PDB file of N, CA and C in Angstrom:
ATOM      1  N   UNK A   1       5.344  15.135   7.316  1.00  0.00           N
ATOM      2  CA  UNK A   1       5.037  14.852   8.698  1.00  0.00           C
ATOM      3  C   UNK A   1       4.714  13.181   8.871  1.00  0.00           C
ATOM      4  N   UNK A   2       4.207  12.533   7.621  1.00  0.00           N
ATOM      5  CA  UNK A   2       3.839  11.101   7.900  1.00  0.00           C
ATOM      6  C   UNK A   2       5.129  10.453   8.112  1.00  0.00           C
ATOM      7  N   UNK A   3       6.332  10.719   7.334  1.00  0.00           N
ATOM      8  CA  UNK A   3       7.571  10.147   7.261  1.00  0.00           C
ATOM      9  C   UNK A   3       7.912  10.315   8.662  1.00  0.00           C
ATOM     10  N   UNK A   4       7.799  11.201   9.344  1.00  0.00           N
ATOM     11  CA  UNK A   4       8.581  11.501  10.821  1.00  0.00           C
ATOM     12  C   UNK A   4       7.601  10.745  11.690  1.00  0.00           C
ATOM     13  N   UNK A   5       6.528  10.142  11.332  1.00  0.00           N
ATOM     14  CA  UNK A   5       5.740   9.252  12.462  1.00  0.00           C
ATOM     15  C   UNK A   5       6.121   8.037  12.132  1.00  0.00           C
ATOM     16  N   UNK A   6       6.749   7.492  10.990  1.00  0.00           N
ATOM     17  CA  UNK A   6       7.215   6.192  10.872  1.00  0.00           C
ATOM     18  C   UNK A   6       8.511   6.200  10.761  1.00  0.00           C
ATOM     19  N   UNK A   7       9.373   6.928  11.528  1.00  0.00           N
ATOM     20  CA  UNK A   7      10.845   7.106  11.531  1.00  0.00           C
ATOM     21  C   UNK A   7      11.446   5.774  12.554  1.00  0.00           C
ATOM     22  N   UNK A   8      10.529   5.507  13.375  1.00  0.00           N
ATOM     23  CA  UNK A   8      10.878   4.269  14.289  1.00  0.00           C
ATOM     24  C   UNK A   8       9.722   3.200  14.001  1.00  0.00           C
ATOM     25  N   UNK A   9      10.085   2.082  13.809  1.00  0.00           N
ATOM     26  CA  UNK A   9       8.924   1.013  13.568  1.00  0.00           C
ATOM     27  C   UNK A   9       8.065   0.800  14.842  1.00  0.00           C
ATOM     28  N   UNK A  10       6.678   0.665  14.381  1.00  0.00           N
ATOM     29  CA  UNK A  10       5.807   0.471  15.516  1.00  0.00           C
ATOM     30  C   UNK A  10       5.899  -0.770  16.065  1.00  0.00           C
ATOM     31  N   UNK A  11       5.663  -0.857  17.470  1.00  0.00           N
ATOM     32  CA  UNK A  11       6.179  -2.088  18.083  1.00  0.00           C
ATOM     33  C   UNK A  11       4.906  -2.848  17.773  1.00  0.00           C
ATOM     34  N   UNK A  12       3.543  -2.339  17.968  1.00  0.00           N
ATOM     35  CA  UNK A  12       2.428  -3.252  17.907  1.00  0.00           C
ATOM     36  C   UNK A  12       1.451  -2.478  16.604  1.00  0.00           C
ATOM     37  N   UNK A  13       1.882  -2.884  15.382  1.00  0.00           N
ATOM     38  CA  UNK A  13       1.351  -2.252  14.224  1.00  0.00           C
ATOM     39  C   UNK A  13      -0.332  -2.485  14.217  1.00  0.00           C
ATOM     40  N   UNK A  14      -1.196  -1.208  13.775  1.00  0.00           N
ATOM     41  CA  UNK A  14      -2.389  -1.629  13.938  1.00  0.00           C
ATOM     42  C   UNK A  14      -3.160  -1.252  12.314  1.00  0.00           C
ATOM     43  N   UNK A  15      -2.493  -0.024  11.943  1.00  0.00           N
ATOM     44  CA  UNK A  15      -2.957   0.370  10.649  1.00  0.00           C
ATOM     45  C   UNK A  15      -2.279  -0.230   9.550  1.00  0.00           C
ATOM     46  N   UNK A  16      -2.961  -0.053   8.324  1.00  0.00           N
ATOM     47  CA  UNK A  16      -1.978  -0.435   7.056  1.00  0.00           C
ATOM     48  C   UNK A  16      -0.536   0.460   7.058  1.00  0.00           C
ATOM     49  N   UNK A  17      -0.684   1.583   7.434  1.00  0.00           N
ATOM     50  CA  UNK A  17       0.703   2.353   7.318  1.00  0.00           C
ATOM     51  C   UNK A  17       1.514   1.841   8.253  1.00  0.00           C
ATOM     52  N   UNK A  18       1.280   1.313   9.666  1.00  0.00           N
ATOM     53  CA  UNK A  18       2.123   1.022  10.583  1.00  0.00           C
ATOM     54  C   UNK A  18       2.569  -0.352  10.090  1.00  0.00           C
ATOM     55  N   UNK A  19       1.801  -1.453   9.656  1.00  0.00           N
ATOM     56  CA  UNK A  19       2.079  -2.644   9.271  1.00  0.00           C
ATOM     57  C   UNK A  19       3.193  -2.435   8.097  1.00  0.00           C
ATOM     58  N   UNK A  20       2.925  -1.400   7.191  1.00  0.00           N
ATOM     59  CA  UNK A  20       4.201  -1.200   5.997  1.00  0.00           C
ATOM     60  C   UNK A  20       5.566  -0.946   6.776  1.00  0.00           C
ATOM     61  N   UNK A  21       5.152   0.134   7.747  1.00  0.00           N
ATOM     62  CA  UNK A  21       6.469   0.696   8.484  1.00  0.00           C
ATOM     63  C   UNK A  21       7.171  -0.287   9.338  1.00  0.00           C
ATOM     64  N   UNK A  22       6.442  -1.170   9.482  1.00  0.00           N
ATOM     65  CA  UNK A  22       7.123  -2.263  10.485  1.00  0.00           C
ATOM     66  C   UNK A  22       7.406  -3.635   9.786  1.00  0.00           C
ATOM     67  N   UNK A  23       7.566  -3.315   8.420  1.00  0.00           N
ATOM     68  CA  UNK A  23       8.089  -4.342   7.343  1.00  0.00           C
ATOM     69  C   UNK A  23       7.309  -5.729   7.042  1.00  0.00           C
ATOM     70  N   UNK A  24       5.874  -5.459   7.454  1.00  0.00           N
ATOM     71  CA  UNK A  24       5.133  -6.430   7.070  1.00  0.00           C
ATOM     72  C   UNK A  24       4.064  -5.903   5.962  1.00  0.00           C
ATOM     73  N   UNK A  25       4.779  -6.180   4.789  1.00  0.00           N
ATOM     74  CA  UNK A  25       3.931  -5.714   3.502  1.00  0.00           C
ATOM     75  C   UNK A  25       2.795  -6.408   3.192  1.00  0.00           C
ATOM     76  N   UNK A  26       2.664  -7.893   3.725  1.00  0.00           N
ATOM     77  CA  UNK A  26       1.652  -8.712   3.474  1.00  0.00           C
ATOM     78  C   UNK A  26       0.139  -8.034   4.086  1.00  0.00           C
ATOM     79  N   UNK A  27       0.204  -8.056   5.518  1.00  0.00           N
ATOM     80  CA  UNK A  27      -0.665  -7.340   6.238  1.00  0.00           C
ATOM     81  C   UNK A  27      -0.928  -5.966   5.786  1.00  0.00           C
ATOM     82  N   UNK A  28      -0.192  -4.998   5.336  1.00  0.00           N
ATOM     83  CA  UNK A  28      -0.378  -3.944   5.046  1.00  0.00           C
ATOM     84  C   UNK A  28      -1.687  -3.846   3.604  1.00  0.00           C
ATOM     85  N   UNK A  29      -0.987  -4.816   2.877  1.00  0.00           N
ATOM     86  CA  UNK A  29      -1.636  -5.077   1.570  1.00  0.00           C
ATOM     87  C   UNK A  29      -2.919  -5.569   1.677  1.00  0.00           C
ATOM     88  N   UNK A  30      -3.155  -6.386   2.626  1.00  0.00           N
ATOM     89  CA  UNK A  30      -4.396  -6.981   2.877  1.00  0.00           C
ATOM     90  C   UNK A  30      -5.367  -5.613   3.357  1.00  0.00           C
ATOM     91  N   UNK A  31      -4.762  -4.869   4.261  1.00  0.00           N
ATOM     92  CA  UNK A  31      -5.521  -3.709   4.956  1.00  0.00           C
ATOM     93  C   UNK A  31      -5.834  -2.635   3.809  1.00  0.00           C
ATOM     94  N   UNK A  32      -5.011  -2.462   3.071  1.00  0.00           N
ATOM     95  CA  UNK A  32      -5.199  -1.151   2.030  1.00  0.00           C
ATOM     96  C   UNK A  32      -6.321  -1.939   1.257  1.00  0.00           C
ATOM     97  N   UNK A  33      -6.336  -3.126   0.766  1.00  0.00           N
ATOM     98  CA  UNK A  33      -7.203  -3.672   0.018  1.00  0.00           C
ATOM     99  C   UNK A  33      -8.806  -3.442   0.631  1.00  0.00           C
ATOM    100  N   UNK A  34      -8.867  -3.801   1.749  1.00  0.00           N
ATOM    101  CA  UNK A  34      -9.969  -3.497   2.413  1.00  0.00           C
ATOM    102  C   UNK A  34     -10.513  -2.126   2.374  1.00  0.00           C
ATOM    103  N   UNK A  35      -9.864  -0.886   2.357  1.00  0.00           N
ATOM    104  CA  UNK A  35     -10.223   0.130   2.120  1.00  0.00           C
ATOM    105  C   UNK A  35     -10.417   0.402   0.763  1.00  0.00           C
ATOM    106  N   UNK A  36      -9.683  -0.080  -0.198  1.00  0.00           N
ATOM    107  CA  UNK A  36     -10.059   0.128  -1.736  1.00  0.00           C
ATOM    108  C   UNK A  36     -11.310  -0.474  -2.126  1.00  0.00           C
ATOM    109  N   UNK A  37     -11.562  -1.613  -1.250  1.00  0.00           N
ATOM    110  CA  UNK A  37     -12.886  -2.125  -1.750  1.00  0.00           C
ATOM    111  C   UNK A  37     -14.062  -1.332  -1.529  1.00  0.00           C
ATOM    112  N   UNK A  38     -14.004  -0.608  -0.552  1.00  0.00           N
ATOM    113  CA  UNK A  38     -15.283   0.734  -0.248  1.00  0.00           C
ATOM    114  C   UNK A  38     -15.007   1.986  -1.396  1.00  0.00           C
ATOM    115  N   UNK A  39     -13.689   2.136  -1.264  1.00  0.00           N
ATOM    116  CA  UNK A  39     -13.515   3.541  -2.010  1.00  0.00           C
ATOM    117  C   UNK A  39     -12.231   3.330  -2.812  1.00  0.00           C
ATOM    118  N   UNK A  40     -12.490   2.888  -4.090  1.00  0.00           N
ATOM    119  CA  UNK A  40     -11.430   2.247  -5.314  1.00  0.00           C
ATOM    120  C   UNK A  40     -10.577   3.680  -5.376  1.00  0.00           C
ATOM    121  N   UNK A  41     -10.967   4.861  -5.473  1.00  0.00           N
ATOM    122  CA  UNK A  41      -9.978   5.694  -5.878  1.00  0.00           C
ATOM    123  C   UNK A  41      -9.574   6.593  -4.569  1.00  0.00           C
ATOM    124  N   UNK A  42      -9.397   5.988  -3.559  1.00  0.00           N
ATOM    125  CA  UNK A  42      -8.868   6.605  -2.219  1.00  0.00           C
ATOM    126  C   UNK A  42      -7.394   6.515  -2.607  1.00  0.00           C
ATOM    127  N   UNK A  43      -6.790   8.092  -2.639  1.00  0.00           N
ATOM    128  CA  UNK A  43      -5.468   8.074  -2.998  1.00  0.00           C
ATOM    129  C   UNK A  43      -4.528   7.637  -2.009  1.00  0.00           C
ATOM    130  N   UNK A  44      -4.630   7.640  -0.674  1.00  0.00           N
ATOM    131  CA  UNK A  44      -3.969   7.459   0.357  1.00  0.00           C
ATOM    132  C   UNK A  44      -3.474   5.800   0.135  1.00  0.00           C
ATOM    133  N   UNK A  45      -5.004   5.173   0.199  1.00  0.00           N
ATOM    134  CA  UNK A  45      -4.845   3.581   0.323  1.00  0.00           C
ATOM    135  C   UNK A  45      -4.297   3.073  -0.990  1.00  0.00           C
ATOM    136  N   UNK A  46      -4.491   3.850  -2.195  1.00  0.00           N
ATOM    137  CA  UNK A  46      -3.942   3.374  -3.350  1.00  0.00           C
ATOM    138  C   UNK A  46      -2.504   3.382  -3.248  1.00  0.00           C
ATOM    139  N   UNK A  47      -2.143   4.375  -2.954  1.00  0.00           N
ATOM    140  CA  UNK A  47      -0.331   4.639  -2.739  1.00  0.00           C
ATOM    141  C   UNK A  47       0.100   3.552  -1.992  1.00  0.00           C
ATOM    142  N   UNK A  48      -0.510   3.214  -0.646  1.00  0.00           N
ATOM    143  CA  UNK A  48       0.209   2.337   0.320  1.00  0.00           C
ATOM    144  C   UNK A  48      -0.048   0.974  -0.517  1.00  0.00           C
ATOM    145  N   UNK A  49      -1.116   0.531  -0.922  1.00  0.00           N
ATOM    146  CA  UNK A  49      -1.265  -0.602  -1.821  1.00  0.00           C
ATOM    147  C   UNK A  49      -0.144  -0.892  -2.825  1.00  0.00           C
ATOM    148  N   UNK A  50       0.144   0.396  -3.710  1.00  0.00           N
ATOM    149  CA  UNK A  50       1.085   0.079  -4.770  1.00  0.00           C
ATOM    150  C   UNK A  50       2.588  -0.146  -4.112  1.00  0.00           C
ATOM    151  N   UNK A  51       2.688   0.699  -3.136  1.00  0.00           N
ATOM    152  CA  UNK A  51       4.055   0.299  -2.317  1.00  0.00           C
ATOM    153  C   UNK A  51       4.010  -1.103  -1.817  1.00  0.00           C
ATOM    154  N   UNK A  52       3.243  -1.573  -1.053  1.00  0.00           N
ATOM    155  CA  UNK A  52       3.238  -2.863  -0.354  1.00  0.00           C
ATOM    156  C   UNK A  52       3.208  -4.044  -1.442  1.00  0.00           C
ATOM    157  N   UNK A  53       2.601  -3.896  -2.520  1.00  0.00           N
ATOM    158  CA  UNK A  53       2.455  -4.700  -3.695  1.00  0.00           C
ATOM    159  C   UNK A  53       3.935  -4.750  -4.400  1.00  0.00           C
ATOM    160  N   UNK A  54       4.409  -3.596  -4.754  1.00  0.00           N
ATOM    161  CA  UNK A  54       5.651  -3.538  -5.178  1.00  0.00           C
ATOM    162  C   UNK A  54       6.992  -4.213  -4.308  1.00  0.00           C
ATOM    163  N   UNK A  55       6.652  -4.239  -2.884  1.00  0.00           N
ATOM    164  CA  UNK A  55       7.667  -4.848  -1.964  1.00  0.00           C
ATOM    165  C   UNK A  55       7.565  -6.411  -2.104  1.00  0.00           C
ATOM    166  N   UNK A  56       6.139  -6.939  -2.304  1.00  0.00           N
ATOM    167  CA  UNK A  56       6.085  -8.211  -2.225  1.00  0.00           C
ATOM    168  C   UNK A  56       6.348  -8.788  -3.609  1.00  0.00           C
ATOM    169  N   UNK A  57       6.000  -8.098  -4.794  1.00  0.00           N
ATOM    170  CA  UNK A  57       6.404  -8.700  -6.117  1.00  0.00           C
ATOM    171  C   UNK A  57       7.013  -7.559  -7.020  1.00  0.00           C
ATOM    172  N   UNK A  58       8.314  -7.426  -6.723  1.00  0.00           N
ATOM    173  CA  UNK A  58       9.242  -6.305  -7.544  1.00  0.00           C
ATOM    174  C   UNK A  58       9.079  -6.986  -8.794  1.00  0.00           C
ATOM    175  N   UNK A  59       9.350  -5.943  -9.924  1.00  0.00           N
ATOM    176  CA  UNK A  59       9.795  -6.228 -11.290  1.00  0.00           C
ATOM    177  C   UNK A  59       9.029  -5.308 -12.235  1.00  0.00           C
ATOM    178  N   UNK A  60       9.055  -5.779 -13.105  1.00  0.00           N
ATOM    179  CA  UNK A  60       8.438  -4.863 -14.343  1.00  0.00           C
ATOM    180  C   UNK A  60       6.674  -4.444 -14.082  1.00  0.00           C
ATOM    181  N   UNK A  61       6.147  -5.323 -13.455  1.00  0.00           N
ATOM    182  CA  UNK A  61       4.796  -4.763 -13.318  1.00  0.00           C
ATOM    183  C   UNK A  61       4.707  -3.804 -12.037  1.00  0.00           C
ATOM    184  N   UNK A  62       5.538  -4.107 -10.985  1.00  0.00           N
ATOM    185  CA  UNK A  62       5.634  -3.012 -10.086  1.00  0.00           C
ATOM    186  C   UNK A  62       6.117  -1.814 -10.581  1.00  0.00           C
ATOM    187  N   UNK A  63       7.056  -1.602 -11.409  1.00  0.00           N
ATOM    188  CA  UNK A  63       7.543  -0.495 -11.950  1.00  0.00           C
ATOM    189  C   UNK A  63       6.347   0.244 -12.849  1.00  0.00           C
ATOM    190  N   UNK A  64       5.624  -0.491 -13.442  1.00  0.00           N
ATOM    191  CA  UNK A  64       4.599   0.185 -14.335  1.00  0.00           C
ATOM    192  C   UNK A  64       3.570   0.802 -13.521  1.00  0.00           C
ATOM    193  N   UNK A  65       3.119   0.223 -12.087  1.00  0.00           N
ATOM    194  CA  UNK A  65       2.314   0.563 -11.269  1.00  0.00           C
ATOM    195  C   UNK A  65       2.709   1.947 -10.551  1.00  0.00           C
ATOM    196  N   UNK A  66       4.199   1.945 -10.476  1.00  0.00           N
ATOM    197  CA  UNK A  66       4.968   3.050  -9.671  1.00  0.00           C
ATOM    198  C   UNK A  66       4.717   4.343 -10.747  1.00  0.00           C
ATOM    199  N   UNK A  67       4.949   3.796 -11.898  1.00  0.00           N
ATOM    200  CA  UNK A  67       4.910   5.048 -12.796  1.00  0.00           C
ATOM    201  C   UNK A  67       3.366   5.226 -13.359  1.00  0.00           C
ATOM    202  N   UNK A  68       2.741   4.648 -13.413  1.00  0.00           N
ATOM    203  CA  UNK A  68       1.120   5.002 -14.016  1.00  0.00           C
ATOM    204  C   UNK A  68       0.408   4.527 -12.948  1.00  0.00           C
ATOM    205  N   UNK A  69      -0.002   5.044 -11.659  1.00  0.00           N
ATOM    206  CA  UNK A  69      -0.853   4.526 -10.615  1.00  0.00           C
ATOM    207  C   UNK A  69      -2.325   4.706 -11.393  1.00  0.00           C
ATOM    208  N   UNK A  70      -2.540   5.843 -12.197  1.00  0.00           N
ATOM    209  CA  UNK A  70      -3.950   5.899 -12.662  1.00  0.00           C
ATOM    210  C   UNK A  70      -4.524   4.930 -13.575  1.00  0.00           C
ATOM    211  N   UNK A  71      -3.661   3.918 -13.684  1.00  0.00           N
ATOM    212  CA  UNK A  71      -4.226   2.669 -14.665  1.00  0.00           C
ATOM    213  C   UNK A  71      -4.886   1.947 -13.788  1.00  0.00           C
ATOM    214  N   UNK A  72      -4.358   1.990 -12.583  1.00  0.00           N
ATOM    215  CA  UNK A  72      -5.136   1.121 -11.491  1.00  0.00           C
ATOM    216  C   UNK A  72      -6.541   1.586 -10.996  1.00  0.00           C
ATOM    217  N   UNK A  73      -7.008   2.596 -11.411  1.00  0.00           N
ATOM    218  CA  UNK A  73      -8.275   2.945 -11.055  1.00  0.00           C
ATOM    219  C   UNK A  73      -9.322   2.577 -11.688  1.00  0.00           C
ATOM    220  N   UNK A  74      -9.045   1.925 -12.895  1.00  0.00           N
ATOM    221  CA  UNK A  74     -10.257   1.041 -13.634  1.00  0.00           C
ATOM    222  C   UNK A  74     -10.887  -0.181 -12.844  1.00  0.00           C
ATOM    223  N   UNK A  75      -9.834  -1.159 -12.829  1.00  0.00           N
ATOM    224  CA  UNK A  75     -10.332  -2.372 -11.997  1.00  0.00           C
ATOM    225  C   UNK A  75      -9.782  -2.145 -10.430  1.00  0.00           C
ATOM    226  N   UNK A  76     -10.680  -2.412  -9.631  1.00  0.00           N
ATOM    227  CA  UNK A  76     -10.294  -2.229  -8.110  1.00  0.00           C
ATOM    228  C   UNK A  76      -8.857  -3.220  -7.797  1.00  0.00           C
ATOM    229  N   UNK A  77      -7.775  -2.667  -7.258  1.00  0.00           N
ATOM    230  CA  UNK A  77      -6.698  -3.353  -6.772  1.00  0.00           C
ATOM    231  C   UNK A  77      -7.257  -4.817  -5.825  1.00  0.00           C
ATOM    232  N   UNK A  78      -6.773  -5.863  -6.139  1.00  0.00           N
ATOM    233  CA  UNK A  78      -7.031  -6.909  -5.376  1.00  0.00           C
ATOM    234  C   UNK A  78      -5.706  -7.789  -4.709  1.00  0.00           C
ATOM    235  N   UNK A  79      -5.991  -8.505  -3.630  1.00  0.00           N
ATOM    236  CA  UNK A  79      -4.697  -8.869  -2.891  1.00  0.00           C
ATOM    237  C   UNK A  79      -4.528 -10.242  -3.638  1.00  0.00           C
TER     238      UNK A  79
END
């Protein structure tokens, strides 16, 4: 259902998910980080943060985050 909601890029993104769908990973990362500051284990925000971070910084660390997201639950992700 969430995938269908973002099949078309939002014209005026407001939420972290909408910014990510619109191609603005930097804005999405910031918004996800705000949620994670209050709730570090919130799975939706954590998964969005990982995707946004991977877009901005692809490579070995990104692949590690995608493969082992539970490792991020110890320290809170930061922007």
